[in-house]
C-alpha cells in the first residue's frame, strides 16, 4: 500500500494530465497550406531560384515541382550567356498550381 502523500501526488498528477488532455481535444496538427509551382522551359540546365534560394536545374525543378507557402515569391531562372528570367508570383491558398513557362533570351554578342 502506498503512503498517503504519494497517493495524493499520484491523484493530483492524474487530474492534471486529464485536464490537459481535455483541453487538447479538437487540437489537430495542421499542415501549412502550400501552392504548387511548376516551371517549364527548353533550357534544362538553367538554374532556378525562388526567393534567392537555389532549387536546382530547370529540368529537376520541372520534374519535381515546388511547394510554396502563400504569399509573394520571386522566381528567377539564369543561364550563362542569357538574360536572367525573373517573375514575381503570388501563391494563394485554394487556387490551383502556378505554371510558369520560361523562355530565356540569348545576350547578343
N, C-alpha and C. Protein backbone atom coordinates (compact mmCIF):
# COMPACT_ATOMS: atom_id res chain seq x y z
N UNK A 1 0.85 -1.18 0.00
CA UNK A 1 0.00 0.00 0.00
C UNK A 1 0.89 1.24 0.00
N UNK A 2 0.52 2.22 -0.86
CA UNK A 2 1.29 3.45 -0.97
C UNK A 2 0.99 4.39 0.19
N UNK A 3 1.99 5.10 0.65
CA UNK A 3 1.75 6.10 1.69
C UNK A 3 0.77 7.16 1.18
N UNK A 4 0.08 7.77 2.09
CA UNK A 4 -0.95 8.77 1.79
C UNK A 4 -0.40 9.92 0.94
N UNK A 5 0.80 10.40 1.21
CA UNK A 5 1.38 11.52 0.47
C UNK A 5 1.57 11.16 -0.99
N UNK A 6 2.06 9.95 -1.25
CA UNK A 6 2.30 9.52 -2.63
C UNK A 6 0.97 9.36 -3.37
N UNK A 7 -0.04 8.81 -2.69
CA UNK A 7 -1.36 8.65 -3.33
C UNK A 7 -1.94 10.00 -3.72
N UNK A 8 -1.78 11.01 -2.86
CA UNK A 8 -2.28 12.35 -3.18
C UNK A 8 -1.55 12.93 -4.40
N UNK A 9 -0.21 12.75 -4.43
CA UNK A 9 0.56 13.27 -5.56
C UNK A 9 0.17 12.57 -6.86
N UNK A 10 -0.02 11.25 -6.81
CA UNK A 10 -0.43 10.50 -8.00
C UNK A 10 -1.81 10.96 -8.45
N UNK A 11 -2.72 11.17 -7.53
CA UNK A 11 -4.07 11.63 -7.87
C UNK A 11 -4.02 13.03 -8.47
N UNK A 12 -3.19 13.91 -7.91
CA UNK A 12 -3.06 15.27 -8.44
C UNK A 12 -2.46 15.25 -9.85
N UNK A 13 -1.48 14.39 -10.05
CA UNK A 13 -0.86 14.26 -11.36
C UNK A 13 -1.86 13.72 -12.38
N UNK A 14 -2.64 12.72 -11.99
CA UNK A 14 -3.66 12.16 -12.89
C UNK A 14 -4.70 13.22 -13.25
N UNK A 15 -5.09 14.04 -12.29
CA UNK A 15 -6.05 15.11 -12.54
C UNK A 15 -5.47 16.14 -13.50
N UNK A 16 -4.20 16.48 -13.32
CA UNK A 16 -3.53 17.44 -14.20
C UNK A 16 -3.45 16.92 -15.63
N UNK A 17 -3.04 15.65 -15.77
CA UNK A 17 -2.94 15.04 -17.10
C UNK A 17 -4.32 15.00 -17.75
N UNK A 18 -5.32 14.66 -17.00
CA UNK A 18 -6.69 14.60 -17.53
C UNK A 18 -7.16 15.98 -17.97
N UNK A 19 -6.87 17.01 -17.19
CA UNK A 19 -7.27 18.37 -17.54
C UNK A 19 -6.55 18.84 -18.80
N UNK A 20 -5.27 18.54 -18.90
CA UNK A 20 -4.52 18.91 -20.09
C UNK A 20 -5.07 18.19 -21.31
N UNK A 21 -5.37 16.92 -21.15
CA UNK A 21 -5.91 16.14 -22.27
C UNK A 21 -7.26 16.66 -22.71
N UNK A 22 -8.10 17.06 -21.75
CA UNK A 22 -9.42 17.58 -22.09
C UNK A 22 -9.31 18.90 -22.85
N UNK A 23 -8.31 19.69 -22.50
CA UNK A 23 -8.12 20.96 -23.21
C UNK A 23 -7.57 20.77 -24.61
N UNK A 24 -7.00 19.60 -24.89
CA UNK A 24 -6.38 19.36 -26.19
C UNK A 24 -7.33 18.69 -27.17
N UNK A 25 -8.52 18.28 -26.74
CA UNK A 25 -9.43 17.66 -27.69
C UNK A 25 -9.80 18.69 -28.74
N UNK A 26 -9.85 18.29 -29.94
CA UNK A 26 -10.13 19.23 -31.02
C UNK A 26 -8.88 19.87 -31.58
N UNK A 27 -7.75 19.70 -30.90
CA UNK A 27 -6.48 20.21 -31.44
C UNK A 27 -5.92 19.18 -32.38
N UNK A 28 -5.75 19.57 -33.60
CA UNK A 28 -5.21 18.67 -34.62
C UNK A 28 -4.02 19.38 -35.25
N UNK A 29 -2.94 18.65 -35.40
CA UNK A 29 -1.77 19.23 -36.06
C UNK A 29 -2.15 19.57 -37.50
N UNK A 30 -1.91 20.80 -37.88
CA UNK A 30 -2.27 21.22 -39.22
C UNK A 30 -1.02 21.37 -40.08
N UNK A 31 -1.16 20.93 -41.30
CA UNK A 31 -0.07 21.13 -42.26
C UNK A 31 -0.28 22.49 -42.87
N UNK A 32 0.80 23.24 -43.02
CA UNK A 32 0.62 24.55 -43.62
C UNK A 32 0.16 24.42 -45.07
N UNK A 33 -0.71 25.34 -45.49
CA UNK A 33 -1.16 25.35 -46.87
C UNK A 33 0.01 25.67 -47.78
N UNK A 34 0.07 25.00 -48.90
CA UNK A 34 1.08 25.31 -49.90
C UNK A 34 0.42 25.34 -51.26
N UNK A 35 1.09 25.99 -52.18
CA UNK A 35 0.63 26.08 -53.56
C UNK A 35 1.73 25.50 -54.44
N UNK A 36 1.34 24.67 -55.38
CA UNK A 36 2.31 24.03 -56.26
C UNK A 36 2.79 25.00 -57.33
N UNK A 37 4.10 25.06 -57.50
CA UNK A 37 4.71 25.87 -58.56
C UNK A 37 5.32 24.91 -59.56
N UNK A 38 4.95 25.07 -60.81
CA UNK A 38 5.51 24.27 -61.91
C UNK A 38 6.23 25.20 -62.86
N UNK A 39 7.50 24.92 -63.10
CA UNK A 39 8.32 25.73 -64.00
C UNK A 39 8.73 24.83 -65.16
N UNK A 40 8.55 25.33 -66.38
CA UNK A 40 8.93 24.55 -67.55
C UNK A 40 9.66 25.43 -68.54
N UNK A 41 10.50 24.82 -69.37
CA UNK A 41 11.24 25.57 -70.37
C UNK A 41 12.22 24.69 -71.10
N UNK A 42 12.77 25.21 -72.17
CA UNK A 42 13.65 24.43 -73.04
C UNK A 42 15.08 24.32 -72.51
N UNK A 43 15.50 25.25 -71.68
CA UNK A 43 16.89 25.27 -71.19
C UNK A 43 17.00 24.46 -69.90
N UNK A 44 17.10 23.14 -70.06
CA UNK A 44 17.07 22.21 -68.93
C UNK A 44 18.16 22.45 -67.90
N UNK A 45 19.32 23.00 -68.33
CA UNK A 45 20.43 23.18 -67.39
C UNK A 45 20.46 24.57 -66.75
N UNK A 46 19.45 25.40 -67.01
CA UNK A 46 19.38 26.73 -66.38
C UNK A 46 19.13 26.56 -64.87
N UNK A 47 19.62 27.51 -64.07
CA UNK A 47 19.47 27.47 -62.61
C UNK A 47 18.19 28.16 -62.18
N UNK A 48 17.47 27.54 -61.26
CA UNK A 48 16.22 28.10 -60.75
C UNK A 48 16.40 28.47 -59.29
N UNK A 49 16.02 29.71 -58.95
CA UNK A 49 16.00 30.14 -57.55
C UNK A 49 14.62 30.69 -57.24
N UNK A 50 14.19 30.50 -56.00
CA UNK A 50 12.94 31.08 -55.52
C UNK A 50 13.28 31.81 -54.24
N UNK A 51 12.97 33.09 -54.22
CA UNK A 51 13.27 33.94 -53.05
C UNK A 51 14.76 33.83 -52.67
N UNK A 52 15.61 33.89 -53.68
CA UNK A 52 17.07 33.85 -53.52
C UNK A 52 17.59 32.53 -52.96
N UNK A 53 16.80 31.48 -53.02
CA UNK A 53 17.24 30.16 -52.58
C UNK A 53 17.34 29.26 -53.80
N UNK A 54 18.55 28.75 -54.06
CA UNK A 54 18.78 27.89 -55.21
C UNK A 54 18.03 26.57 -55.05
N UNK A 55 17.26 26.19 -56.10
CA UNK A 55 16.50 24.95 -56.05
C UNK A 55 17.09 23.85 -56.91
N UNK A 56 17.79 24.24 -57.99
CA UNK A 56 18.37 23.24 -58.86
C UNK A 56 18.22 23.63 -60.31
N UNK A 57 18.58 22.67 -61.18
CA UNK A 57 18.45 22.90 -62.62
C UNK A 57 16.98 22.91 -63.01
N UNK A 58 16.67 23.60 -64.08
CA UNK A 58 15.29 23.72 -64.55
C UNK A 58 14.66 22.35 -64.79
N UNK A 59 15.42 21.41 -65.36
CA UNK A 59 14.87 20.07 -65.61
C UNK A 59 14.45 19.40 -64.29
N UNK A 60 15.26 19.55 -63.25
CA UNK A 60 14.96 18.96 -61.94
C UNK A 60 13.71 19.61 -61.34
N UNK A 61 13.66 20.93 -61.36
CA UNK A 61 12.52 21.65 -60.78
C UNK A 61 11.25 21.37 -61.57
N UNK A 62 11.38 21.27 -62.91
CA UNK A 62 10.21 20.97 -63.75
C UNK A 62 9.64 19.59 -63.41
N UNK A 63 10.52 18.66 -63.14
CA UNK A 63 10.08 17.30 -62.84
C UNK A 63 9.46 17.18 -61.45
N UNK A 64 10.05 17.85 -60.47
CA UNK A 64 9.61 17.72 -59.08
C UNK A 64 8.56 18.73 -58.66
N UNK A 65 8.62 19.93 -59.21
CA UNK A 65 7.73 20.99 -58.74
C UNK A 65 8.22 21.57 -57.43
N UNK A 66 7.56 22.61 -56.98
CA UNK A 66 7.95 23.30 -55.75
C UNK A 66 6.68 23.60 -54.96
N UNK A 67 6.70 23.37 -53.66
CA UNK A 67 5.57 23.72 -52.79
C UNK A 67 5.88 25.08 -52.15
N UNK A 68 5.07 26.07 -52.51
CA UNK A 68 5.28 27.42 -51.99
C UNK A 68 4.26 27.74 -50.90
N UNK A 69 4.68 28.39 -49.83
CA UNK A 69 3.69 28.88 -48.85
C UNK A 69 2.96 30.07 -49.47
N UNK A 70 1.76 30.36 -48.99
CA UNK A 70 1.03 31.51 -49.53
C UNK A 70 1.83 32.80 -49.38
N UNK A 71 1.68 33.68 -50.35
CA UNK A 71 2.38 34.96 -50.33
C UNK A 71 3.09 35.22 -51.64
N UNK A 72 3.86 36.30 -51.66
CA UNK A 72 4.59 36.67 -52.86
C UNK A 72 5.97 36.03 -52.87
N UNK A 73 6.39 35.59 -54.07
CA UNK A 73 7.68 34.94 -54.22
C UNK A 73 8.33 35.39 -55.52
N UNK A 74 9.64 35.53 -55.50
CA UNK A 74 10.39 35.89 -56.71
C UNK A 74 11.02 34.62 -57.27
N UNK A 75 10.70 34.33 -58.54
CA UNK A 75 11.24 33.17 -59.25
C UNK A 75 12.23 33.69 -60.28
N UNK A 76 13.45 33.17 -60.24
CA UNK A 76 14.50 33.60 -61.16
C UNK A 76 15.10 32.37 -61.83
N UNK A 77 15.28 32.48 -63.16
CA UNK A 77 15.93 31.41 -63.92
C UNK A 77 17.11 32.06 -64.65
N UNK A 78 18.31 31.46 -64.49
CA UNK A 78 19.52 32.04 -65.07
C UNK A 78 20.35 30.98 -65.77
N UNK A 79 21.02 31.44 -66.82
CA UNK A 79 21.95 30.58 -67.55
C UNK A 79 23.00 31.49 -68.17
N UNK A 80 24.26 31.06 -68.13
CA UNK A 80 25.35 31.85 -68.70
C UNK A 80 25.07 32.13 -70.18
N UNK A 81 25.27 33.39 -70.59
CA UNK A 81 25.05 33.79 -71.97
C UNK A 81 23.63 34.21 -72.28
N UNK A 82 22.76 34.19 -71.27
CA UNK A 82 21.35 34.55 -71.44
C UNK A 82 20.95 35.62 -70.42
N UNK A 83 19.97 36.44 -70.80
CA UNK A 83 19.41 37.38 -69.84
C UNK A 83 18.69 36.59 -68.75
N UNK A 84 18.76 37.03 -67.50
CA UNK A 84 18.01 36.34 -66.44
C UNK A 84 16.51 36.50 -66.68
N UNK A 85 15.76 35.48 -66.33
CA UNK A 85 14.30 35.50 -66.42
C UNK A 85 13.81 35.63 -64.99
N UNK A 86 12.99 36.62 -64.72
CA UNK A 86 12.60 36.94 -63.34
C UNK A 86 11.12 37.27 -63.29
N UNK A 87 10.39 36.64 -62.37
CA UNK A 87 8.96 36.92 -62.21
C UNK A 87 8.62 36.97 -60.72
N UNK A 88 7.66 37.82 -60.41
CA UNK A 88 7.09 37.90 -59.06
C UNK A 88 5.75 37.20 -59.14
N UNK A 89 5.56 36.14 -58.34
CA UNK A 89 4.29 35.40 -58.36
C UNK A 89 3.65 35.47 -56.98
N UNK A 90 2.34 35.36 -56.96
CA UNK A 90 1.61 35.35 -55.70
C UNK A 90 0.93 33.99 -55.54
N UNK A 91 1.29 33.28 -54.50
CA UNK A 91 0.69 31.98 -54.19
C UNK A 91 -0.50 32.22 -53.27
N UNK A 92 -1.66 31.71 -53.69
CA UNK A 92 -2.89 31.88 -52.90
C UNK A 92 -3.45 30.51 -52.52
N UNK A 93 -3.78 30.32 -51.26
CA UNK A 93 -4.34 29.05 -50.80
C UNK A 93 -5.64 28.77 -51.55
N UNK A 94 -5.83 27.51 -51.90
CA UNK A 94 -7.07 27.10 -52.55
C UNK A 94 -7.11 27.37 -54.04
N UNK A 95 -6.07 28.00 -54.57
CA UNK A 95 -6.01 28.27 -56.00
C UNK A 95 -5.09 27.21 -56.61
N UNK A 96 -5.39 26.79 -57.82
CA UNK A 96 -4.62 25.75 -58.49
C UNK A 96 -3.15 26.07 -58.60
N UNK A 97 -2.40 25.18 -59.22
CA UNK A 97 -0.96 25.38 -59.30
C UNK A 97 -0.58 26.60 -60.16
N UNK A 98 0.58 27.15 -59.86
CA UNK A 98 1.14 28.24 -60.66
C UNK A 98 2.04 27.57 -61.70
N UNK A 99 1.79 27.85 -62.97
CA UNK A 99 2.58 27.26 -64.05
C UNK A 99 3.30 28.38 -64.77
N UNK A 100 4.63 28.29 -64.82
CA UNK A 100 5.44 29.30 -65.50
C UNK A 100 6.20 28.65 -66.65
N UNK A 101 6.12 29.26 -67.81
CA UNK A 101 6.89 28.80 -68.95
C UNK A 101 8.02 29.79 -69.17
N UNK A 102 9.24 29.30 -69.07
CA UNK A 102 10.43 30.13 -69.14
C UNK A 102 11.00 30.09 -70.55
N UNK A 103 11.22 31.27 -71.12
CA UNK A 103 11.89 31.40 -72.41
C UNK A 103 13.06 32.35 -72.23
N UNK A 104 14.25 31.79 -72.14
CA UNK A 104 15.44 32.61 -71.96
C UNK A 104 15.85 33.22 -73.29
N UNK A 105 16.31 34.49 -73.25
CA UNK A 105 16.78 35.17 -74.46
C UNK A 105 18.29 35.32 -74.38
N UNK A 106 18.94 34.94 -75.46
CA UNK A 106 20.41 34.99 -75.53
C UNK A 106 20.87 36.45 -75.50
N UNK A 107 21.96 36.71 -74.81
CA UNK A 107 22.57 38.03 -74.79
C UNK A 107 23.33 38.20 -76.12
N UNK A 108 23.02 39.27 -76.87
CA UNK A 108 23.70 39.44 -78.15
C UNK A 108 25.20 39.70 -77.97
N UNK A 109 25.98 39.25 -78.95
CA UNK A 109 27.44 39.46 -78.89
C UNK A 109 27.80 40.88 -79.14
